[in-house]
Amino acid sequence: MSLSWTNVQANARPLKNRRNRHYEKQFIRNSLTHAHSPSVNHALIAELATCRFVAEHASVLIAGPTGTGKSHLVQALGHCALRAGHDVLFITHTKLLAQLHAARATNSYDRKLAQLAKIEVIAIDDFGLRPMRTPQDEDFHELIAERYERKTTLVTSNLDFEEWGAAFPNKLMGAATLDRLLDGAYRIILDGETRRKPRPMPAKEKTATTGRDLNTGSPQPPARQR
């Protein structure tokens, strides 16, 4: 089966019949089970893995705190879509807005918008991580409106679904955009503790000759002579 991948660095132009090895390896490592999240609906995840949502042109919206696996899950779903032969673009919300802003500056906005609107599956990561400013909310609305009921959009966010409207400076614009995203959408909430953990601190040791702490290198006070 031939795979197609939409390369962000190539201005979102589909690269037909080319396997992006880094992309594939990344998603093979990411399981669709996400058993660490107590609220995950495994039946829904299994259904999404069939990629029926692509044929339905339905949105998939994933919300949850930092570190609960939202990006891993949306990337794994993107990989499933790739293996099914669909064009996929994975991009952060911030970079997507930056691309549209740059297109405005070079009088190529309409062409860029049309290009993004034609991609079969777009996975937008970290929606609302930075509140949008005008005209960013207008650009995002136009993209979602162009894709509505025609293509599939996946979105992840640290915000609860009820808070997504706060990312829009124009509340009316936000309501219109979210109305299209939520219509017929599959919604997933991931909760639990973050999967990102620091390495444990090594135990402190001291050298017998220098009295220095091996962790900090700080000299220790000399022992009192008796």
C-alpha atoms as a PDB file:
ATOM      1  CA  MET A   1       0.000   0.000   0.000  1.00  0.00           C
ATOM      2  CA  SER A   2       1.370   3.346  -0.942  1.00  0.00           C
ATOM      3  CA  LEU A   3       1.414   6.033   1.715  1.00  0.00           C
ATOM      4  CA  SER A   4       1.113   9.747   1.256  1.00  0.00           C
ATOM      5  CA  TRP A   5       2.324  12.389   3.673  1.00  0.00           C
ATOM      6  CA  THR A   6       1.797  16.105   3.634  1.00  0.00           C
ATOM      7  CA  ASN A   7       5.082  17.742   4.527  1.00  0.00           C
ATOM      8  CA  VAL A   8       4.834  20.869   6.673  1.00  0.00           C
ATOM      9  CA  GLN A   9       8.256  22.078   5.558  1.00  0.00           C
ATOM     10  CA  ALA A  10       7.194  21.775   1.899  1.00  0.00           C
ATOM     11  CA  ASN A  11       4.336  24.248   2.342  1.00  0.00           C
ATOM     12  CA  ALA A  12       1.864  21.420   2.941  1.00  0.00           C
ATOM     13  CA  ARG A  13       2.245  19.928  -0.547  1.00  0.00           C
ATOM     14  CA  PRO A  14       1.307  16.229  -0.624  1.00  0.00           C
ATOM     15  CA  LEU A  15       4.217  13.909  -1.366  1.00  0.00           C
ATOM     16  CA  LYS A  16       2.574  11.015  -3.185  1.00  0.00           C
ATOM     17  CA  ASN A  17       3.866   7.429  -2.914  1.00  0.00           C
ATOM     18  CA  ARG A  18       6.593   8.353  -0.416  1.00  0.00           C
ATOM     19  CA  ARG A  19       7.009   6.847   3.047  1.00  0.00           C
ATOM     20  CA  ASN A  20       8.095   9.274   5.725  1.00  0.00           C
ATOM     21  CA  ARG A  21      10.081   6.863   7.900  1.00  0.00           C
ATOM     22  CA  HIS A  22      10.467   9.218  10.828  1.00  0.00           C
ATOM     23  CA  TYR A  23       6.722   9.819  10.912  1.00  0.00           C
ATOM     24  CA  GLU A  24       5.890   6.123  10.694  1.00  0.00           C
ATOM     25  CA  LYS A  25       8.364   5.048  13.381  1.00  0.00           C
ATOM     26  CA  GLN A  26       7.073   7.735  15.690  1.00  0.00           C
ATOM     27  CA  PHE A  27       3.513   6.458  15.474  1.00  0.00           C
ATOM     28  CA  ILE A  28       4.363   2.772  15.631  1.00  0.00           C
ATOM     29  CA  ARG A  29       5.796   3.499  19.095  1.00  0.00           C
ATOM     30  CA  ASN A  30       2.580   5.193  20.201  1.00  0.00           C
ATOM     31  CA  SER A  31      -0.162   2.806  21.237  1.00  0.00           C
ATOM     32  CA  LEU A  32      -3.793   3.599  20.618  1.00  0.00           C
ATOM     33  CA  THR A  33      -4.812   2.005  23.913  1.00  0.00           C
ATOM     34  CA  HIS A  34      -3.721   4.755  26.328  1.00  0.00           C
ATOM     35  CA  ALA A  35      -4.573   2.540  29.291  1.00  0.00           C
ATOM     36  CA  HIS A  36      -2.980   5.061  31.670  1.00  0.00           C
ATOM     37  CA  SER A  37      -5.952   7.399  31.228  1.00  0.00           C
ATOM     38  CA  PRO A  38      -8.812   6.183  33.434  1.00  0.00           C
ATOM     39  CA  SER A  39     -11.465   7.958  31.374  1.00  0.00           C
ATOM     40  CA  VAL A  40     -10.488   6.744  27.902  1.00  0.00           C
ATOM     41  CA  ASN A  41     -13.194   5.009  25.881  1.00  0.00           C
ATOM     42  CA  HIS A  42     -11.345   2.069  24.342  1.00  0.00           C
ATOM     43  CA  ALA A  43     -14.274   1.126  22.115  1.00  0.00           C
ATOM     44  CA  LEU A  44     -14.263   4.607  20.612  1.00  0.00           C
ATOM     45  CA  ILE A  45     -10.486   4.501  20.079  1.00  0.00           C
ATOM     46  CA  ALA A  46     -10.817   1.145  18.305  1.00  0.00           C
ATOM     47  CA  GLU A  47     -13.542   2.567  16.091  1.00  0.00           C
ATOM     48  CA  LEU A  48     -11.445   5.618  15.220  1.00  0.00           C
ATOM     49  CA  ALA A  49      -8.527   3.355  14.307  1.00  0.00           C
ATOM     50  CA  THR A  50     -10.617   2.070  11.381  1.00  0.00           C
ATOM     51  CA  CYS A  51     -10.444   5.625   9.908  1.00  0.00           C
ATOM     52  CA  ARG A  52     -14.160   5.687   9.237  1.00  0.00           C
ATOM     53  CA  PHE A  53     -14.112   9.271  10.514  1.00  0.00           C
ATOM     54  CA  VAL A  54     -12.175  10.277   7.392  1.00  0.00           C
ATOM     55  CA  ALA A  55     -14.937   9.049   5.078  1.00  0.00           C
ATOM     56  CA  GLU A  56     -17.482  10.780   7.313  1.00  0.00           C
ATOM     57  CA  HIS A  57     -15.530  14.075   7.161  1.00  0.00           C
ATOM     58  CA  ALA A  58     -16.014  14.177  10.938  1.00  0.00           C
ATOM     59  CA  SER A  59     -13.833  16.096  13.373  1.00  0.00           C
ATOM     60  CA  VAL A  60     -11.963  14.324  16.170  1.00  0.00           C
ATOM     61  CA  LEU A  61     -11.441  16.573  19.202  1.00  0.00           C
ATOM     62  CA  ILE A  62      -9.154  15.548  22.067  1.00  0.00           C
ATOM     63  CA  ALA A  63      -8.917  17.468  25.342  1.00  0.00           C
ATOM     64  CA  GLY A  64      -6.974  16.888  28.535  1.00  0.00           C
ATOM     65  CA  PRO A  65      -4.215  18.190  30.810  1.00  0.00           C
ATOM     66  CA  THR A  66      -0.572  18.381  29.785  1.00  0.00           C
ATOM     67  CA  GLY A  67       1.218  15.053  29.467  1.00  0.00           C
ATOM     68  CA  THR A  68      -1.824  12.778  29.203  1.00  0.00           C
ATOM     69  CA  GLY A  69      -1.042  11.603  25.664  1.00  0.00           C
ATOM     70  CA  LYS A  70      -3.148  13.870  23.438  1.00  0.00           C
ATOM     71  CA  SER A  71      -0.395  14.434  20.863  1.00  0.00           C
ATOM     72  CA  HIS A  72       0.513  10.733  20.830  1.00  0.00           C
ATOM     73  CA  LEU A  73      -3.093   9.761  20.230  1.00  0.00           C
ATOM     74  CA  VAL A  74      -3.726  12.260  17.426  1.00  0.00           C
ATOM     75  CA  GLN A  75      -0.437  11.269  15.784  1.00  0.00           C
ATOM     76  CA  ALA A  76      -1.390   7.593  15.992  1.00  0.00           C
ATOM     77  CA  LEU A  77      -4.748   8.345  14.364  1.00  0.00           C
ATOM     78  CA  GLY A  78      -2.890  10.306  11.686  1.00  0.00           C
ATOM     79  CA  HIS A  79      -0.683   7.302  11.069  1.00  0.00           C
ATOM     80  CA  CYS A  80      -3.745   5.096  10.657  1.00  0.00           C
ATOM     81  CA  ALA A  81      -5.051   7.545   8.069  1.00  0.00           C
ATOM     82  CA  LEU A  82      -1.687   7.490   6.292  1.00  0.00           C
ATOM     83  CA  ARG A  83      -1.732   3.714   6.082  1.00  0.00           C
ATOM     84  CA  ALA A  84      -5.232   3.922   4.646  1.00  0.00           C
ATOM     85  CA  GLY A  85      -3.830   6.057   1.801  1.00  0.00           C
ATOM     86  CA  HIS A  86      -4.928   9.526   2.910  1.00  0.00           C
ATOM     87  CA  ASP A  87      -2.917  12.748   2.854  1.00  0.00           C
ATOM     88  CA  VAL A  88      -2.201  13.933   6.394  1.00  0.00           C
ATOM     89  CA  LEU A  89      -0.785  17.151   7.795  1.00  0.00           C
ATOM     90  CA  PHE A  90       0.308  17.269  11.428  1.00  0.00           C
ATOM     91  CA  ILE A  91       0.929  20.826  12.623  1.00  0.00           C
ATOM     92  CA  THR A  92       0.663  22.836  15.811  1.00  0.00           C
ATOM     93  CA  HIS A  93      -1.998  25.504  16.060  1.00  0.00           C
ATOM     94  CA  THR A  94       0.689  28.163  16.489  1.00  0.00           C
ATOM     95  CA  LYS A  95       2.547  27.127  13.313  1.00  0.00           C
ATOM     96  CA  LEU A  96      -0.676  26.905  11.337  1.00  0.00           C
ATOM     97  CA  LEU A  97      -1.583  30.481  12.242  1.00  0.00           C
ATOM     98  CA  ALA A  98       1.960  31.604  11.439  1.00  0.00           C
ATOM     99  CA  GLN A  99       1.739  30.072   7.955  1.00  0.00           C
ATOM    100  CA  LEU A 100      -1.548  31.817   7.253  1.00  0.00           C
ATOM    101  CA  HIS A 101      -0.168  35.117   8.575  1.00  0.00           C
ATOM    102  CA  ALA A 102       2.919  34.787   6.356  1.00  0.00           C
ATOM    103  CA  ALA A 103       0.664  34.101   3.367  1.00  0.00           C
ATOM    104  CA  ARG A 104      -1.218  37.329   4.060  1.00  0.00           C
ATOM    105  CA  ALA A 105       2.061  39.238   4.100  1.00  0.00           C
ATOM    106  CA  THR A 106       3.023  37.881   0.670  1.00  0.00           C
ATOM    107  CA  ASN A 107      -0.423  38.263  -0.947  1.00  0.00           C
ATOM    108  CA  SER A 108      -0.724  34.473  -1.245  1.00  0.00           C
ATOM    109  CA  TYR A 109      -3.375  33.943   1.426  1.00  0.00           C
ATOM    110  CA  ASP A 110      -6.105  32.671  -0.897  1.00  0.00           C
ATOM    111  CA  ARG A 111      -3.745  30.133  -2.467  1.00  0.00           C
ATOM    112  CA  LYS A 112      -2.507  28.966   0.928  1.00  0.00           C
ATOM    113  CA  LEU A 113      -6.034  28.656   2.296  1.00  0.00           C
ATOM    114  CA  ALA A 114      -7.120  26.620  -0.726  1.00  0.00           C
ATOM    115  CA  GLN A 115      -4.064  24.397  -0.342  1.00  0.00           C
ATOM    116  CA  LEU A 116      -4.816  23.655   3.306  1.00  0.00           C
ATOM    117  CA  ALA A 117      -8.518  23.200   2.626  1.00  0.00           C
ATOM    118  CA  LYS A 118      -7.805  20.368   0.138  1.00  0.00           C
ATOM    119  CA  ILE A 119      -5.751  18.189   2.529  1.00  0.00           C
ATOM    120  CA  GLU A 120      -7.786  15.141   3.484  1.00  0.00           C
ATOM    121  CA  VAL A 121      -6.755  15.063   7.154  1.00  0.00           C
ATOM    122  CA  ILE A 122      -5.257  17.900   9.178  1.00  0.00           C
ATOM    123  CA  ALA A 123      -4.235  17.234  12.788  1.00  0.00           C
ATOM    124  CA  ILE A 124      -3.920  20.503  14.710  1.00  0.00           C
ATOM    125  CA  ASP A 125      -2.016  20.102  17.980  1.00  0.00           C
ATOM    126  CA  ASP A 126      -2.169  22.391  21.038  1.00  0.00           C
ATOM    127  CA  PHE A 127      -5.168  24.492  20.062  1.00  0.00           C
ATOM    128  CA  GLY A 128      -5.518  27.485  22.369  1.00  0.00           C
ATOM    129  CA  LEU A 129      -2.064  27.148  23.886  1.00  0.00           C
ATOM    130  CA  ARG A 130      -1.693  30.812  22.984  1.00  0.00           C
ATOM    131  CA  PRO A 131      -4.849  32.947  22.746  1.00  0.00           C
ATOM    132  CA  MET A 132      -5.502  34.086  19.198  1.00  0.00           C
ATOM    133  CA  ARG A 133      -5.409  37.708  18.122  1.00  0.00           C
ATOM    134  CA  THR A 134      -7.183  39.408  15.263  1.00  0.00           C
ATOM    135  CA  PRO A 135      -6.967  38.410  12.386  1.00  0.00           C
ATOM    136  CA  GLN A 136      -5.739  34.986  13.547  1.00  0.00           C
ATOM    137  CA  ASP A 137      -9.234  34.009  14.651  1.00  0.00           C
ATOM    138  CA  GLU A 138     -10.578  35.049  11.242  1.00  0.00           C
ATOM    139  CA  ASP A 139      -7.946  32.927   9.460  1.00  0.00           C
ATOM    140  CA  PHE A 140      -8.721  29.907  11.617  1.00  0.00           C
ATOM    141  CA  HIS A 141     -12.446  30.333  11.099  1.00  0.00           C
ATOM    142  CA  GLU A 142     -12.047  30.527   7.318  1.00  0.00           C
ATOM    143  CA  LEU A 143      -9.986  27.339   7.268  1.00  0.00           C
ATOM    144  CA  ILE A 144     -12.461  25.406   9.410  1.00  0.00           C
ATOM    145  CA  ALA A 145     -15.383  26.742   7.369  1.00  0.00           C
ATOM    146  CA  GLU A 146     -13.714  25.665   4.096  1.00  0.00           C
ATOM    147  CA  ARG A 147     -13.083  22.162   5.466  1.00  0.00           C
ATOM    148  CA  TYR A 148     -16.482  21.733   7.133  1.00  0.00           C
ATOM    149  CA  GLU A 149     -18.302  18.632   5.833  1.00  0.00           C
ATOM    150  CA  ARG A 150     -15.664  18.285   3.086  1.00  0.00           C
ATOM    151  CA  LYS A 151     -12.488  17.167   4.875  1.00  0.00           C
ATOM    152  CA  THR A 152     -11.446  15.837   8.292  1.00  0.00           C
ATOM    153  CA  THR A 153      -9.877  17.914  11.040  1.00  0.00           C
ATOM    154  CA  LEU A 154      -8.356  16.590  14.269  1.00  0.00           C
ATOM    155  CA  VAL A 155      -7.674  18.980  17.151  1.00  0.00           C
ATOM    156  CA  THR A 156      -5.996  18.581  20.546  1.00  0.00           C
ATOM    157  CA  SER A 157      -6.072  21.069  23.388  1.00  0.00           C
ATOM    158  CA  ASN A 158      -5.105  21.454  27.046  1.00  0.00           C
ATOM    159  CA  LEU A 159      -8.336  23.406  27.490  1.00  0.00           C
ATOM    160  CA  ASP A 160     -11.586  21.764  28.532  1.00  0.00           C
ATOM    161  CA  PHE A 161     -14.115  21.750  25.706  1.00  0.00           C
ATOM    162  CA  GLU A 162     -16.139  24.390  27.534  1.00  0.00           C
ATOM    163  CA  GLU A 163     -13.088  26.695  27.510  1.00  0.00           C
ATOM    164  CA  TRP A 164     -12.286  26.551  23.790  1.00  0.00           C
ATOM    165  CA  GLY A 165     -14.292  29.686  23.095  1.00  0.00           C
ATOM    166  CA  ALA A 166     -11.938  31.667  25.350  1.00  0.00           C
ATOM    167  CA  ALA A 167      -9.164  31.279  22.741  1.00  0.00           C
ATOM    168  CA  PHE A 168     -11.039  33.622  20.354  1.00  0.00           C
ATOM    169  CA  PRO A 169     -10.909  37.412  20.814  1.00  0.00           C
ATOM    170  CA  ASN A 170     -14.110  37.702  18.788  1.00  0.00           C
ATOM    171  CA  LYS A 171     -16.635  35.581  20.692  1.00  0.00           C
ATOM    172  CA  LEU A 172     -19.109  35.549  17.804  1.00  0.00           C
ATOM    173  CA  MET A 173     -16.365  34.293  15.490  1.00  0.00           C
ATOM    174  CA  GLY A 174     -15.405  31.680  18.054  1.00  0.00           C
ATOM    175  CA  ALA A 175     -18.973  30.434  18.379  1.00  0.00           C
ATOM    176  CA  ALA A 176     -19.299  30.075  14.603  1.00  0.00           C
ATOM    177  CA  THR A 177     -15.979  28.221  14.331  1.00  0.00           C
ATOM    178  CA  LEU A 178     -16.638  25.831  17.195  1.00  0.00           C
ATOM    179  CA  ASP A 179     -20.170  25.155  15.937  1.00  0.00           C
ATOM    180  CA  ARG A 180     -18.634  23.707  12.772  1.00  0.00           C
ATOM    181  CA  LEU A 181     -15.907  21.790  14.609  1.00  0.00           C
ATOM    182  CA  LEU A 182     -18.330  20.248  17.104  1.00  0.00           C
ATOM    183  CA  ASP A 183     -20.992  19.249  14.599  1.00  0.00           C
ATOM    184  CA  GLY A 184     -20.900  15.449  14.451  1.00  0.00           C
ATOM    185  CA  ALA A 185     -17.466  15.403  16.114  1.00  0.00           C
ATOM    186  CA  TYR A 186     -15.943  12.516  18.034  1.00  0.00           C
ATOM    187  CA  ARG A 187     -14.822  13.874  21.405  1.00  0.00           C
ATOM    188  CA  ILE A 188     -12.202  12.297  23.653  1.00  0.00           C
ATOM    189  CA  ILE A 189     -11.141  13.401  27.131  1.00  0.00           C
ATOM    190  CA  LEU A 190      -7.821  12.170  28.513  1.00  0.00           C
ATOM    191  CA  ASP A 191      -7.152  12.674  32.196  1.00  0.00           C
ATOM    192  CA  GLY A 192      -4.824  11.380  34.880  1.00  0.00           C
ATOM    193  CA  GLU A 193      -1.306  12.381  35.800  1.00  0.00           C
ATOM    194  CA  THR A 194       1.264  13.510  33.266  1.00  0.00           C
ATOM    195  CA  ARG A 195       3.305  10.800  31.561  1.00  0.00           C
ATOM    196  CA  ARG A 196       6.334  13.071  31.530  1.00  0.00           C
ATOM    197  CA  LYS A 197       8.440  12.373  34.581  1.00  0.00           C
ATOM    198  CA  PRO A 198      11.920  13.676  35.478  1.00  0.00           C
ATOM    199  CA  ARG A 199      14.721  11.269  36.187  1.00  0.00           C
ATOM    200  CA  PRO A 200      15.185  10.532  39.895  1.00  0.00           C
ATOM    201  CA  MET A 201      17.820  12.564  41.675  1.00  0.00           C
ATOM    202  CA  PRO A 202      20.988  10.534  42.320  1.00  0.00           C
ATOM    203  CA  ALA A 203      21.896   9.864  45.915  1.00  0.00           C
ATOM    204  CA  LYS A 204      24.398  12.307  47.358  1.00  0.00           C
ATOM    205  CA  GLU A 205      27.917  11.033  47.876  1.00  0.00           C
ATOM    206  CA  LYS A 206      31.003  12.626  49.396  1.00  0.00           C
ATOM    207  CA  THR A 207      34.637  11.986  48.647  1.00  0.00           C
ATOM    208  CA  ALA A 208      36.811  11.042  51.590  1.00  0.00           C
ATOM    209  CA  THR A 209      39.724  13.286  50.525  1.00  0.00           C
ATOM    210  CA  THR A 210      38.072  16.559  49.461  1.00  0.00           C
ATOM    211  CA  GLY A 211      34.796  16.506  51.328  1.00  0.00           C
ATOM    212  CA  ARG A 212      33.032  17.752  48.173  1.00  0.00           C
ATOM    213  CA  ASP A 213      29.460  16.854  47.369  1.00  0.00           C
ATOM    214  CA  LEU A 214      29.682  14.838  44.123  1.00  0.00           C
ATOM    215  CA  ASN A 215      26.303  16.186  42.986  1.00  0.00           C
ATOM    216  CA  THR A 216      26.955  19.896  43.466  1.00  0.00           C
ATOM    217  CA  GLY A 217      30.722  20.173  43.662  1.00  0.00           C
ATOM    218  CA  SER A 218      30.318  22.380  46.745  1.00  0.00           C
ATOM    219  CA  PRO A 219      33.012  22.048  49.403  1.00  0.00           C
ATOM    220  CA  GLN A 220      31.813  20.702  52.723  1.00  0.00           C
ATOM    221  CA  PRO A 221      32.883  22.238  56.061  1.00  0.00           C
ATOM    222  CA  PRO A 222      35.887  20.493  57.598  1.00  0.00           C
ATOM    223  CA  ALA A 223      35.278  18.144  60.506  1.00  0.00           C
ATOM    224  CA  ARG A 224      35.948  19.678  63.928  1.00  0.00           C
ATOM    225  CA  GLN A 225      39.209  18.483  65.519  1.00  0.00           C
ATOM    226  CA  ARG A 226      38.971  17.056  69.017  1.00  0.00           C
END
